[in-house]
PDB file of N, CA and C in Angstrom:
ATOM      1  N   UNK A   1      24.440   9.805 -21.198  1.00  0.00           N
ATOM      2  CA  UNK A   1      23.567  10.391 -19.634  1.00  0.00           C
ATOM      3  C   UNK A   1      24.363   8.584 -18.885  1.00  0.00           C
ATOM      4  N   UNK A   2      24.657   9.671 -17.768  1.00  0.00           N
ATOM      5  CA  UNK A   2      26.214   8.778 -16.264  1.00  0.00           C
ATOM      6  C   UNK A   2      25.753   7.884 -16.399  1.00  0.00           C
ATOM      7  N   UNK A   3      26.949   7.508 -16.385  1.00  0.00           N
ATOM      8  CA  UNK A   3      26.575   5.431 -15.820  1.00  0.00           C
ATOM      9  C   UNK A   3      25.444   5.390 -14.526  1.00  0.00           C
ATOM     10  N   UNK A   4      25.195   6.733 -13.634  1.00  0.00           N
ATOM     11  CA  UNK A   4      24.856   6.553 -12.369  1.00  0.00           C
ATOM     12  C   UNK A   4      23.089   6.631 -12.537  1.00  0.00           C
ATOM     13  N   UNK A   5      23.079   7.381 -13.745  1.00  0.00           N
ATOM     14  CA  UNK A   5      21.486   7.366 -13.838  1.00  0.00           C
ATOM     15  C   UNK A   5      21.274   7.072 -15.323  1.00  0.00           C
ATOM     16  N   UNK A   6      21.940   5.728 -16.093  1.00  0.00           N
ATOM     17  CA  UNK A   6      21.615   4.839 -16.471  1.00  0.00           C
ATOM     18  C   UNK A   6      20.562   3.864 -15.936  1.00  0.00           C
ATOM     19  N   UNK A   7      19.952   3.375 -17.141  1.00  0.00           N
ATOM     20  CA  UNK A   7      19.248   1.714 -16.963  1.00  0.00           C
ATOM     21  C   UNK A   7      19.643   0.866 -16.466  1.00  0.00           C
ATOM     22  N   UNK A   8      20.911   0.871 -16.073  1.00  0.00           N
ATOM     23  CA  UNK A   8      21.097  -0.419 -15.194  1.00  0.00           C
ATOM     24  C   UNK A   8      21.848   0.113 -13.944  1.00  0.00           C
ATOM     25  N   UNK A   9      21.898   1.329 -14.095  1.00  0.00           N
ATOM     26  CA  UNK A   9      21.573   2.316 -12.397  1.00  0.00           C
ATOM     27  C   UNK A   9      20.530   1.943 -12.027  1.00  0.00           C
ATOM     28  N   UNK A  10      19.714   2.452 -12.558  1.00  0.00           N
ATOM     29  CA  UNK A  10      18.925   2.581 -11.910  1.00  0.00           C
ATOM     30  C   UNK A  10      17.731   1.027 -11.390  1.00  0.00           C
ATOM     31  N   UNK A  11      17.840  -0.186 -11.765  1.00  0.00           N
ATOM     32  CA  UNK A  11      17.945  -1.496 -11.635  1.00  0.00           C
ATOM     33  C   UNK A  11      18.417  -1.933 -11.093  1.00  0.00           C
ATOM     34  N   UNK A  12      19.494  -1.646 -10.613  1.00  0.00           N
ATOM     35  CA  UNK A  12      20.481  -2.058  -9.457  1.00  0.00           C
ATOM     36  C   UNK A  12      20.549  -1.413  -7.784  1.00  0.00           C
ATOM     37  N   UNK A  13      19.467   0.020  -8.474  1.00  0.00           N
ATOM     38  CA  UNK A  13      19.048   1.135  -6.679  1.00  0.00           C
ATOM     39  C   UNK A  13      18.031  -0.044  -7.174  1.00  0.00           C
ATOM     40  N   UNK A  14      17.369  -0.548  -7.874  1.00  0.00           N
ATOM     41  CA  UNK A  14      15.542  -0.676  -7.237  1.00  0.00           C
ATOM     42  C   UNK A  14      15.899  -2.091  -6.193  1.00  0.00           C
ATOM     43  N   UNK A  15      16.693  -2.922  -7.275  1.00  0.00           N
ATOM     44  CA  UNK A  15      16.896  -4.395  -6.838  1.00  0.00           C
ATOM     45  C   UNK A  15      17.424  -4.319  -4.890  1.00  0.00           C
ATOM     46  N   UNK A  16      19.077  -2.768  -4.770  1.00  0.00           N
ATOM     47  CA  UNK A  16      19.116  -3.083  -3.691  1.00  0.00           C
ATOM     48  C   UNK A  16      17.762  -2.099  -2.301  1.00  0.00           C
ATOM     49  N   UNK A  17      16.511  -1.349  -2.982  1.00  0.00           N
ATOM     50  CA  UNK A  17      16.141  -1.234  -2.201  1.00  0.00           C
ATOM     51  C   UNK A  17      14.640  -2.439  -1.761  1.00  0.00           C
ATOM     52  N   UNK A  18      14.258  -3.824  -3.371  1.00  0.00           N
ATOM     53  CA  UNK A  18      13.732  -4.717  -2.999  1.00  0.00           C
ATOM     54  C   UNK A  18      14.557  -5.166  -1.511  1.00  0.00           C
ATOM     55  N   UNK A  19      16.500  -5.140  -1.776  1.00  0.00           N
ATOM     56  CA  UNK A  19      16.716  -6.376   0.095  1.00  0.00           C
ATOM     57  C   UNK A  19      16.514  -5.461   0.821  1.00  0.00           C
ATOM     58  N   UNK A  20      16.379  -4.669   1.353  1.00  0.00           N
ATOM     59  CA  UNK A  20      16.067  -3.597   2.182  1.00  0.00           C
ATOM     60  C   UNK A  20      15.040  -3.911   2.858  1.00  0.00           C
ATOM     61  N   UNK A  21      13.774  -3.936   1.270  1.00  0.00           N
ATOM     62  CA  UNK A  21      12.964  -4.181   1.834  1.00  0.00           C
ATOM     63  C   UNK A  21      13.027  -5.663   2.667  1.00  0.00           C
ATOM     64  N   UNK A  22      12.838  -6.832   2.330  1.00  0.00           N
ATOM     65  CA  UNK A  22      13.169  -7.924   2.653  1.00  0.00           C
ATOM     66  C   UNK A  22      13.806  -7.746   4.261  1.00  0.00           C
ATOM     67  N   UNK A  23      14.539  -7.440   4.395  1.00  0.00           N
ATOM     68  CA  UNK A  23      15.051  -7.625   5.502  1.00  0.00           C
ATOM     69  C   UNK A  23      14.765  -6.429   6.873  1.00  0.00           C
ATOM     70  N   UNK A  24      13.900  -5.369   6.140  1.00  0.00           N
ATOM     71  CA  UNK A  24      12.919  -5.045   7.022  1.00  0.00           C
ATOM     72  C   UNK A  24      11.772  -5.867   7.770  1.00  0.00           C
ATOM     73  N   UNK A  25      10.753  -6.332   6.466  1.00  0.00           N
ATOM     74  CA  UNK A  25      10.474  -7.355   7.067  1.00  0.00           C
ATOM     75  C   UNK A  25      10.921  -8.515   7.424  1.00  0.00           C
ATOM     76  N   UNK A  26      11.583  -8.684   7.564  1.00  0.00           N
ATOM     77  CA  UNK A  26      12.310  -9.865   8.480  1.00  0.00           C
ATOM     78  C   UNK A  26      11.887  -9.534   9.314  1.00  0.00           C
ATOM     79  N   UNK A  27      12.659  -8.434   9.799  1.00  0.00           N
ATOM     80  CA  UNK A  27      12.777  -7.729  11.350  1.00  0.00           C
ATOM     81  C   UNK A  27      10.951  -7.463  11.964  1.00  0.00           C
ATOM     82  N   UNK A  28       9.936  -7.338  10.803  1.00  0.00           N
ATOM     83  CA  UNK A  28       9.034  -7.124  11.503  1.00  0.00           C
ATOM     84  C   UNK A  28       7.964  -7.330  10.357  1.00  0.00           C
ATOM     85  N   UNK A  29       7.455  -7.851  10.896  1.00  0.00           N
ATOM     86  CA  UNK A  29       6.952  -9.009  10.087  1.00  0.00           C
ATOM     87  C   UNK A  29       5.377  -8.206   9.513  1.00  0.00           C
ATOM     88  N   UNK A  30       4.982  -8.007  10.381  1.00  0.00           N
ATOM     89  CA  UNK A  30       3.681  -6.974  11.212  1.00  0.00           C
ATOM     90  C   UNK A  30       4.114  -5.007  10.270  1.00  0.00           C
ATOM     91  N   UNK A  31       4.546  -4.377  10.021  1.00  0.00           N
ATOM     92  CA  UNK A  31       4.271  -3.252   9.313  1.00  0.00           C
ATOM     93  C   UNK A  31       4.211  -3.227   7.977  1.00  0.00           C
ATOM     94  N   UNK A  32       3.096  -2.632   8.316  1.00  0.00           N
ATOM     95  CA  UNK A  32       1.850  -2.481   6.822  1.00  0.00           C
ATOM     96  C   UNK A  32       3.409  -1.840   5.754  1.00  0.00           C
ATOM     97  N   UNK A  33       3.189  -0.105   6.557  1.00  0.00           N
ATOM     98  CA  UNK A  33       4.077   0.950   5.434  1.00  0.00           C
ATOM     99  C   UNK A  33       5.448  -0.094   5.442  1.00  0.00           C
ATOM    100  N   UNK A  34       6.303  -0.715   5.048  1.00  0.00           N
ATOM    101  CA  UNK A  34       6.495  -1.640   4.733  1.00  0.00           C
ATOM    102  C   UNK A  34       6.412  -2.285   2.907  1.00  0.00           C
ATOM    103  N   UNK A  35       6.087  -3.117   3.467  1.00  0.00           N
ATOM    104  CA  UNK A  35       5.202  -4.071   2.980  1.00  0.00           C
ATOM    105  C   UNK A  35       4.294  -2.971   1.608  1.00  0.00           C
ATOM    106  N   UNK A  36       3.448  -2.127   1.817  1.00  0.00           N
ATOM    107  CA  UNK A  36       2.729  -1.389   1.541  1.00  0.00           C
ATOM    108  C   UNK A  36       4.085  -0.564   0.384  1.00  0.00           C
ATOM    109  N   UNK A  37       5.565   0.208   0.960  1.00  0.00           N
ATOM    110  CA  UNK A  37       6.405   0.536  -0.466  1.00  0.00           C
ATOM    111  C   UNK A  37       7.596  -0.475  -1.241  1.00  0.00           C
ATOM    112  N   UNK A  38       7.353  -1.729  -0.600  1.00  0.00           N
ATOM    113  CA  UNK A  38       7.854  -2.938  -1.091  1.00  0.00           C
ATOM    114  C   UNK A  38       6.842  -2.960  -2.216  1.00  0.00           C
ATOM    115  N   UNK A  39       5.694  -2.879  -2.209  1.00  0.00           N
ATOM    116  CA  UNK A  39       4.329  -2.900  -3.279  1.00  0.00           C
ATOM    117  C   UNK A  39       4.682  -2.668  -4.429  1.00  0.00           C
ATOM    118  N   UNK A  40       4.893  -0.728  -4.138  1.00  0.00           N
ATOM    119  CA  UNK A  40       5.043   0.412  -4.993  1.00  0.00           C
ATOM    120  C   UNK A  40       5.670   0.039  -5.652  1.00  0.00           C
ATOM    121  N   UNK A  41       7.254  -0.445  -5.007  1.00  0.00           N
ATOM    122  CA  UNK A  41       8.456  -0.527  -6.360  1.00  0.00           C
ATOM    123  C   UNK A  41       7.840  -1.566  -6.619  1.00  0.00           C
ATOM    124  N   UNK A  42       7.537  -2.995  -7.017  1.00  0.00           N
ATOM    125  CA  UNK A  42       7.399  -3.911  -7.397  1.00  0.00           C
ATOM    126  C   UNK A  42       6.273  -3.864  -7.936  1.00  0.00           C
ATOM    127  N   UNK A  43       5.368  -2.749  -8.156  1.00  0.00           N
ATOM    128  CA  UNK A  43       4.458  -2.065  -9.673  1.00  0.00           C
ATOM    129  C   UNK A  43       5.460  -1.148  -9.955  1.00  0.00           C
ATOM    130  N   UNK A  44       6.222  -0.901 -10.176  1.00  0.00           N
ATOM    131  CA  UNK A  44       6.792   0.203 -10.897  1.00  0.00           C
ATOM    132  C   UNK A  44       8.409  -0.218 -12.046  1.00  0.00           C
ATOM    133  N   UNK A  45       8.635  -2.228 -11.732  1.00  0.00           N
ATOM    134  CA  UNK A  45       9.059  -2.508 -11.690  1.00  0.00           C
ATOM    135  C   UNK A  45       8.383  -3.743 -12.747  1.00  0.00           C
ATOM    136  N   UNK A  46       7.057  -3.258 -13.350  1.00  0.00           N
ATOM    137  CA  UNK A  46       5.643  -3.856 -13.301  1.00  0.00           C
ATOM    138  C   UNK A  46       6.191  -5.628 -13.220  1.00  0.00           C
ATOM    139  N   UNK A  47       6.075  -6.026 -11.837  1.00  0.00           N
ATOM    140  CA  UNK A  47       6.171  -7.445 -11.001  1.00  0.00           C
ATOM    141  C   UNK A  47       4.684  -7.401 -10.428  1.00  0.00           C
ATOM    142  N   UNK A  48       3.588  -7.571 -10.640  1.00  0.00           N
ATOM    143  CA  UNK A  48       2.681  -7.416 -10.444  1.00  0.00           C
ATOM    144  C   UNK A  48       2.190  -8.008  -9.564  1.00  0.00           C
ATOM    145  N   UNK A  49       2.157  -9.454  -9.889  1.00  0.00           N
ATOM    146  CA  UNK A  49       1.431 -10.139  -8.851  1.00  0.00           C
ATOM    147  C   UNK A  49       2.414  -9.994  -7.524  1.00  0.00           C
ATOM    148  N   UNK A  50       3.701  -9.734  -7.678  1.00  0.00           N
ATOM    149  CA  UNK A  50       4.164 -10.015  -6.519  1.00  0.00           C
ATOM    150  C   UNK A  50       4.148  -8.805  -5.845  1.00  0.00           C
ATOM    151  N   UNK A  51       3.198  -7.374  -6.530  1.00  0.00           N
ATOM    152  CA  UNK A  51       2.807  -5.928  -6.281  1.00  0.00           C
ATOM    153  C   UNK A  51       1.779  -6.424  -5.187  1.00  0.00           C
ATOM    154  N   UNK A  52       1.211  -7.629  -5.626  1.00  0.00           N
ATOM    155  CA  UNK A  52      -0.539  -7.313  -5.639  1.00  0.00           C
ATOM    156  C   UNK A  52      -0.411  -8.257  -3.926  1.00  0.00           C
ATOM    157  N   UNK A  53       0.300  -9.522  -4.009  1.00  0.00           N
ATOM    158  CA  UNK A  53       0.640 -10.201  -3.216  1.00  0.00           C
ATOM    159  C   UNK A  53       1.593  -8.903  -1.970  1.00  0.00           C
ATOM    160  N   UNK A  54       1.657  -7.825  -1.953  1.00  0.00           N
ATOM    161  CA  UNK A  54       2.387  -6.688  -0.895  1.00  0.00           C
ATOM    162  C   UNK A  54       0.981  -6.784  -0.512  1.00  0.00           C
ATOM    163  N   UNK A  55       0.133  -5.552  -1.180  1.00  0.00           N
ATOM    164  CA  UNK A  55      -1.070  -4.746  -1.486  1.00  0.00           C
ATOM    165  C   UNK A  55      -2.131  -5.669  -0.548  1.00  0.00           C
ATOM    166  N   UNK A  56      -2.120  -7.100  -0.067  1.00  0.00           N
ATOM    167  CA  UNK A  56      -2.924  -7.582   0.044  1.00  0.00           C
ATOM    168  C   UNK A  56      -2.847  -7.786   1.738  1.00  0.00           C
ATOM    169  N   UNK A  57      -2.079  -7.838   1.795  1.00  0.00           N
ATOM    170  CA  UNK A  57      -0.527  -8.328   3.024  1.00  0.00           C
ATOM    171  C   UNK A  57      -1.289  -6.507   3.711  1.00  0.00           C
ATOM    172  N   UNK A  58      -0.658  -5.705   3.044  1.00  0.00           N
ATOM    173  CA  UNK A  58      -0.997  -4.665   3.804  1.00  0.00           C
ATOM    174  C   UNK A  58      -2.574  -4.020   4.057  1.00  0.00           C
ATOM    175  N   UNK A  59      -3.235  -5.287   3.526  1.00  0.00           N
ATOM    176  CA  UNK A  59      -4.954  -4.535   3.343  1.00  0.00           C
ATOM    177  C   UNK A  59      -4.937  -6.362   5.043  1.00  0.00           C
ATOM    178  N   UNK A  60      -4.635  -7.079   4.603  1.00  0.00           N
ATOM    179  CA  UNK A  60      -4.440  -7.827   5.784  1.00  0.00           C
ATOM    180  C   UNK A  60      -4.467  -6.784   7.373  1.00  0.00           C
ATOM    181  N   UNK A  61      -3.518  -6.422   7.803  1.00  0.00           N
ATOM    182  CA  UNK A  61      -3.256  -5.116   8.497  1.00  0.00           C
ATOM    183  C   UNK A  61      -3.380  -4.562   8.435  1.00  0.00           C
ATOM    184  N   UNK A  62      -4.265  -3.875   7.499  1.00  0.00           N
ATOM    185  CA  UNK A  62      -4.945  -2.758   8.119  1.00  0.00           C
ATOM    186  C   UNK A  62      -6.053  -2.266   7.297  1.00  0.00           C
ATOM    187  N   UNK A  63      -6.770  -3.780   7.008  1.00  0.00           N
ATOM    188  CA  UNK A  63      -7.814  -3.017   6.114  1.00  0.00           C
ATOM    189  C   UNK A  63      -8.897  -1.739   6.147  1.00  0.00           C
ATOM    190  N   UNK A  64      -8.331  -1.366   6.489  1.00  0.00           N
ATOM    191  CA  UNK A  64      -9.279   0.460   6.126  1.00  0.00           C
ATOM    192  C   UNK A  64      -8.561   1.333   5.345  1.00  0.00           C
ATOM    193  N   UNK A  65      -7.379   0.758   4.785  1.00  0.00           N
ATOM    194  CA  UNK A  65      -6.586   1.076   3.799  1.00  0.00           C
ATOM    195  C   UNK A  65      -7.113   1.612   3.160  1.00  0.00           C
ATOM    196  N   UNK A  66      -7.584   2.696   2.183  1.00  0.00           N
ATOM    197  CA  UNK A  66      -8.493   3.265   0.903  1.00  0.00           C
ATOM    198  C   UNK A  66      -7.348   3.020   0.095  1.00  0.00           C
ATOM    199  N   UNK A  67      -5.783   3.292   0.306  1.00  0.00           N
ATOM    200  CA  UNK A  67      -4.951   3.569  -1.227  1.00  0.00           C
ATOM    201  C   UNK A  67      -4.696   2.798  -1.878  1.00  0.00           C
ATOM    202  N   UNK A  68      -4.271   1.597  -0.282  1.00  0.00           N
ATOM    203  CA  UNK A  68      -3.490   0.176  -0.151  1.00  0.00           C
ATOM    204  C   UNK A  68      -5.146  -0.268  -1.413  1.00  0.00           C
ATOM    205  N   UNK A  69      -6.508   0.066  -2.033  1.00  0.00           N
ATOM    206  CA  UNK A  69      -7.859  -0.660  -1.715  1.00  0.00           C
ATOM    207  C   UNK A  69      -7.409  -0.089  -3.531  1.00  0.00           C
ATOM    208  N   UNK A  70      -6.861   1.166  -3.480  1.00  0.00           N
ATOM    209  CA  UNK A  70      -7.391   1.801  -5.057  1.00  0.00           C
ATOM    210  C   UNK A  70      -5.758   1.229  -5.675  1.00  0.00           C
ATOM    211  N   UNK A  71      -4.643   0.792  -4.825  1.00  0.00           N
ATOM    212  CA  UNK A  71      -3.261   0.486  -6.127  1.00  0.00           C
ATOM    213  C   UNK A  71      -3.093  -0.804  -6.489  1.00  0.00           C
ATOM    214  N   UNK A  72      -3.993  -1.774  -4.759  1.00  0.00           N
ATOM    215  CA  UNK A  72      -4.333  -3.049  -5.710  1.00  0.00           C
ATOM    216  C   UNK A  72      -5.416  -3.011  -6.441  1.00  0.00           C
ATOM    217  N   UNK A  73      -6.265  -2.916  -7.124  1.00  0.00           N
ATOM    218  CA  UNK A  73      -7.368  -2.522  -7.971  1.00  0.00           C
ATOM    219  C   UNK A  73      -6.474  -2.205  -9.569  1.00  0.00           C
ATOM    220  N   UNK A  74      -5.794  -1.135  -9.227  1.00  0.00           N
ATOM    221  CA  UNK A  74      -4.437  -0.572 -10.789  1.00  0.00           C
ATOM    222  C   UNK A  74      -3.928  -2.102 -11.047  1.00  0.00           C
ATOM    223  N   UNK A  75      -3.178  -2.770  -9.769  1.00  0.00           N
ATOM    224  CA  UNK A  75      -2.424  -3.744  -9.730  1.00  0.00           C
ATOM    225  C   UNK A  75      -2.827  -4.730 -10.602  1.00  0.00           C
ATOM    226  N   UNK A  76      -4.228  -4.993 -10.175  1.00  0.00           N
ATOM    227  CA  UNK A  76      -4.744  -6.384 -10.824  1.00  0.00           C
ATOM    228  C   UNK A  76      -5.758  -5.989 -12.128  1.00  0.00           C
ATOM    229  N   UNK A  77      -5.917  -4.371 -12.645  1.00  0.00           N
ATOM    230  CA  UNK A  77      -6.549  -4.536 -14.119  1.00  0.00           C
ATOM    231  C   UNK A  77      -5.194  -4.749 -14.704  1.00  0.00           C
ATOM    232  N   UNK A  78      -3.952  -4.568 -14.400  1.00  0.00           N
ATOM    233  CA  UNK A  78      -2.625  -4.164 -15.215  1.00  0.00           C
ATOM    234  C   UNK A  78      -2.379  -5.966 -15.591  1.00  0.00           C
ATOM    235  N   UNK A  79      -2.952  -6.968 -14.835  1.00  0.00           N
ATOM    236  CA  UNK A  79      -3.047  -8.121 -15.177  1.00  0.00           C
ATOM    237  C   UNK A  79      -3.980  -8.401 -15.648  1.00  0.00           C
ATOM    238  N   UNK A  80      -5.052  -7.724 -15.899  1.00  0.00           N
ATOM    239  CA  UNK A  80      -6.779  -8.499 -16.074  1.00  0.00           C
ATOM    240  C   UNK A  80      -7.487  -8.734 -15.395  1.00  0.00           C
ATOM    241  N   UNK A  81      -6.764  -9.122 -14.463  1.00  0.00           N
ATOM    242  CA  UNK A  81      -8.036  -8.720 -13.441  1.00  0.00           C
ATOM    243  C   UNK A  81      -9.302  -8.490 -12.763  1.00  0.00           C
ATOM    244  N   UNK A  82      -9.957  -8.090 -14.205  1.00  0.00           N
ATOM    245  CA  UNK A  82     -10.887  -6.950 -13.129  1.00  0.00           C
ATOM    246  C   UNK A  82     -12.078  -6.822 -12.974  1.00  0.00           C
ATOM    247  N   UNK A  83     -12.686  -8.522 -12.603  1.00  0.00           N
ATOM    248  CA  UNK A  83     -13.374  -8.329 -11.367  1.00  0.00           C
ATOM    249  C   UNK A  83     -13.147  -8.196 -10.318  1.00  0.00           C
ATOM    250  N   UNK A  84     -12.194  -8.189 -10.373  1.00  0.00           N
ATOM    251  CA  UNK A  84     -11.081  -8.524  -8.921  1.00  0.00           C
ATOM    252  C   UNK A  84     -10.665  -6.775  -8.595  1.00  0.00           C
ATOM    253  N   UNK A  85     -10.454  -5.906  -9.217  1.00  0.00           N
ATOM    254  CA  UNK A  85     -10.376  -4.868 -10.089  1.00  0.00           C
ATOM    255  C   UNK A  85     -11.344  -3.863  -9.440  1.00  0.00           C
ATOM    256  N   UNK A  86     -12.343  -4.242  -9.768  1.00  0.00           N
ATOM    257  CA  UNK A  86     -13.464  -3.888 -10.207  1.00  0.00           C
ATOM    258  C   UNK A  86     -13.769  -3.306  -8.069  1.00  0.00           C
ATOM    259  N   UNK A  87     -13.696  -4.902  -7.740  1.00  0.00           N
ATOM    260  CA  UNK A  87     -13.979  -5.320  -6.981  1.00  0.00           C
ATOM    261  C   UNK A  87     -12.885  -4.382  -5.613  1.00  0.00           C
ATOM    262  N   UNK A  88     -12.077  -4.246  -6.146  1.00  0.00           N
ATOM    263  CA  UNK A  88     -11.032  -3.331  -5.436  1.00  0.00           C
ATOM    264  C   UNK A  88     -11.402  -1.431  -5.639  1.00  0.00           C
ATOM    265  N   UNK A  89     -11.779  -1.593  -6.739  1.00  0.00           N
ATOM    266  CA  UNK A  89     -11.966  -0.125  -7.038  1.00  0.00           C
ATOM    267  C   UNK A  89     -13.131   0.844  -6.031  1.00  0.00           C
ATOM    268  N   UNK A  90     -14.324  -0.364  -5.780  1.00  0.00           N
ATOM    269  CA  UNK A  90     -15.593   0.433  -5.366  1.00  0.00           C
ATOM    270  C   UNK A  90     -15.354   0.342  -3.619  1.00  0.00           C
ATOM    271  N   UNK A  91     -14.300  -0.905  -3.305  1.00  0.00           N
ATOM    272  CA  UNK A  91     -14.130  -0.731  -2.135  1.00  0.00           C
ATOM    273  C   UNK A  91     -13.449   0.956  -1.658  1.00  0.00           C
ATOM    274  N   UNK A  92     -12.131   0.677  -2.259  1.00  0.00           N
ATOM    275  CA  UNK A  92     -12.086   2.556  -1.704  1.00  0.00           C
ATOM    276  C   UNK A  92     -13.579   3.523  -2.481  1.00  0.00           C
ATOM    277  N   UNK A  93     -13.747   3.453  -3.395  1.00  0.00           N
ATOM    278  CA  UNK A  93     -15.087   5.035  -3.694  1.00  0.00           C
ATOM    279  C   UNK A  93     -15.822   4.727  -2.835  1.00  0.00           C
ATOM    280  N   UNK A  94     -15.954   3.323  -2.422  1.00  0.00           N
ATOM    281  CA  UNK A  94     -17.599   3.048  -0.591  1.00  0.00           C
ATOM    282  C   UNK A  94     -16.719   3.830   0.454  1.00  0.00           C
ATOM    283  N   UNK A  95     -15.769   4.431   0.727  1.00  0.00           N
ATOM    284  CA  UNK A  95     -14.310   4.555   1.852  1.00  0.00           C
ATOM    285  C   UNK A  95     -14.314   6.075   1.182  1.00  0.00           C
ATOM    286  N   UNK A  96     -13.997   6.453  -0.154  1.00  0.00           N
ATOM    287  CA  UNK A  96     -14.098   7.989  -0.057  1.00  0.00           C
ATOM    288  C   UNK A  96     -14.887   8.208  -1.340  1.00  0.00           C
ATOM    289  N   UNK A  97     -15.716   8.965  -0.965  1.00  0.00           N
ATOM    290  CA  UNK A  97     -17.394   9.065  -1.939  1.00  0.00           C
ATOM    291  C   UNK A  97     -16.981  10.527  -2.755  1.00  0.00           C
ATOM    292  N   UNK A  98     -15.819  11.682  -2.103  1.00  0.00           N
ATOM    293  CA  UNK A  98     -16.037  13.087  -2.157  1.00  0.00           C
ATOM    294  C   UNK A  98     -15.068  13.781  -3.063  1.00  0.00           C
ATOM    295  N   UNK A  99     -13.452  13.062  -3.004  1.00  0.00           N
ATOM    296  CA  UNK A  99     -12.534  13.271  -3.398  1.00  0.00           C
ATOM    297  C   UNK A  99     -12.210  13.069  -4.913  1.00  0.00           C
ATOM    298  N   UNK A 100     -11.521  13.865  -5.843  1.00  0.00           N
ATOM    299  CA  UNK A 100     -10.366  14.058  -7.037  1.00  0.00           C
ATOM    300  C   UNK A 100     -10.480  12.615  -7.873  1.00  0.00           C
ATOM    301  N   UNK A 101      -9.799  11.396  -6.779  1.00  0.00           N
ATOM    302  CA  UNK A 101      -9.506   9.916  -7.363  1.00  0.00           C
ATOM    303  C   UNK A 101     -10.457   9.490  -6.983  1.00  0.00           C
ATOM    304  N   UNK A 102     -11.921  10.097  -6.353  1.00  0.00           N
ATOM    305  CA  UNK A 102     -12.432   9.020  -7.201  1.00  0.00           C
ATOM    306  C   UNK A 102     -13.414   9.622  -8.217  1.00  0.00           C
ATOM    307  N   UNK A 103     -13.502  10.286  -8.669  1.00  0.00           N
ATOM    308  CA  UNK A 103     -14.008  11.571  -9.668  1.00  0.00           C
ATOM    309  C   UNK A 103     -12.649  10.140 -10.944  1.00  0.00           C
ATOM    310  N   UNK A 104     -11.398   9.771 -11.135  1.00  0.00           N
ATOM    311  CA  UNK A 104     -11.138   8.864 -11.403  1.00  0.00           C
ATOM    312  C   UNK A 104     -11.092   7.477 -11.738  1.00  0.00           C
ATOM    313  N   UNK A 105     -11.251   7.328 -10.722  1.00  0.00           N
ATOM    314  CA  UNK A 105     -11.754   6.273  -9.958  1.00  0.00           C
ATOM    315  C   UNK A 105     -13.628   5.232 -11.070  1.00  0.00           C
ATOM    316  N   UNK A 106     -14.248   6.292 -10.591  1.00  0.00           N
ATOM    317  CA  UNK A 106     -15.903   5.785 -10.807  1.00  0.00           C
ATOM    318  C   UNK A 106     -15.523   6.325 -12.567  1.00  0.00           C
ATOM    319  N   UNK A 107     -14.532   6.491 -13.773  1.00  0.00           N
ATOM    320  CA  UNK A 107     -14.399   6.653 -15.144  1.00  0.00           C
ATOM    321  C   UNK A 107     -14.257   5.162 -14.909  1.00  0.00           C
ATOM    322  N   UNK A 108     -12.835   4.838 -14.304  1.00  0.00           N
ATOM    323  CA  UNK A 108     -12.175   4.162 -14.677  1.00  0.00           C
ATOM    324  C   UNK A 108     -13.268   2.411 -14.800  1.00  0.00           C
ATOM    325  N   UNK A 109     -14.360   3.180 -13.654  1.00  0.00           N
ATOM    326  CA  UNK A 109     -15.386   1.539 -13.080  1.00  0.00           C
ATOM    327  C   UNK A 109     -16.244   1.757 -14.164  1.00  0.00           C
ATOM    328  N   UNK A 110     -16.421   2.962 -14.476  1.00  0.00           N
ATOM    329  CA  UNK A 110     -17.144   3.397 -15.388  1.00  0.00           C
ATOM    330  C   UNK A 110     -19.208   3.774 -15.244  1.00  0.00           C
ATOM    331  N   UNK A 111     -18.888   3.611 -13.549  1.00  0.00           N
ATOM    332  CA  UNK A 111     -20.484   4.456 -13.646  1.00  0.00           C
ATOM    333  C   UNK A 111     -19.746   4.448 -11.593  1.00  0.00           C
ATOM    334  N   UNK A 112     -20.207   5.486 -11.176  1.00  0.00           N
ATOM    335  CA  UNK A 112     -19.468   5.106  -9.557  1.00  0.00           C
ATOM    336  C   UNK A 112     -20.960   4.563  -9.283  1.00  0.00           C
ATOM    337  N   UNK A 113     -20.411   3.960  -7.686  1.00  0.00           N
ATOM    338  CA  UNK A 113     -21.722   2.808  -7.078  1.00  0.00           C
ATOM    339  C   UNK A 113     -21.897   4.101  -5.442  1.00  0.00           C
ATOM    340  N   UNK A 114     -23.229   3.429  -5.531  1.00  0.00           N
ATOM    341  CA  UNK A 114     -24.180   4.243  -4.058  1.00  0.00           C
ATOM    342  C   UNK A 114     -22.858   3.966  -3.430  1.00  0.00           C
ATOM    343  N   UNK A 115     -22.527   5.144  -2.343  1.00  0.00           N
ATOM    344  CA  UNK A 115     -21.479   5.187  -1.678  1.00  0.00           C
ATOM    345  C   UNK A 115     -22.122   6.047  -0.424  1.00  0.00           C
ATOM    346  N   UNK A 116     -22.063   5.059   0.614  1.00  0.00           N
ATOM    347  CA  UNK A 116     -22.400   5.306   1.695  1.00  0.00           C
ATOM    348  C   UNK A 116     -21.206   6.490   3.066  1.00  0.00           C
TER     349      UNK A 116
END
């Protein structure tokens, strides 16, 4: 494995990306997409508490972001916060009753709630 593709290089790349996201948030704290991308990165690094906080910030800025509800639910499930995860899944499902991800989320939750 080359030094540019090994675990150390990837870790450095991710840390560098976090620094860039932090700078972007300092410049524009209302940029939901930056929080969303940083949350995805935190989640990929197993930093679920920080990912949850960023997904929550996305939802404060853009409450109708259905994907942020789904991903925050996944993050909460990773932390064994199952009631909170289920609430996020239900929120996602209520906004997305007909797509394939709905079926996956419903199977995770164990039942499909009534979707408006």
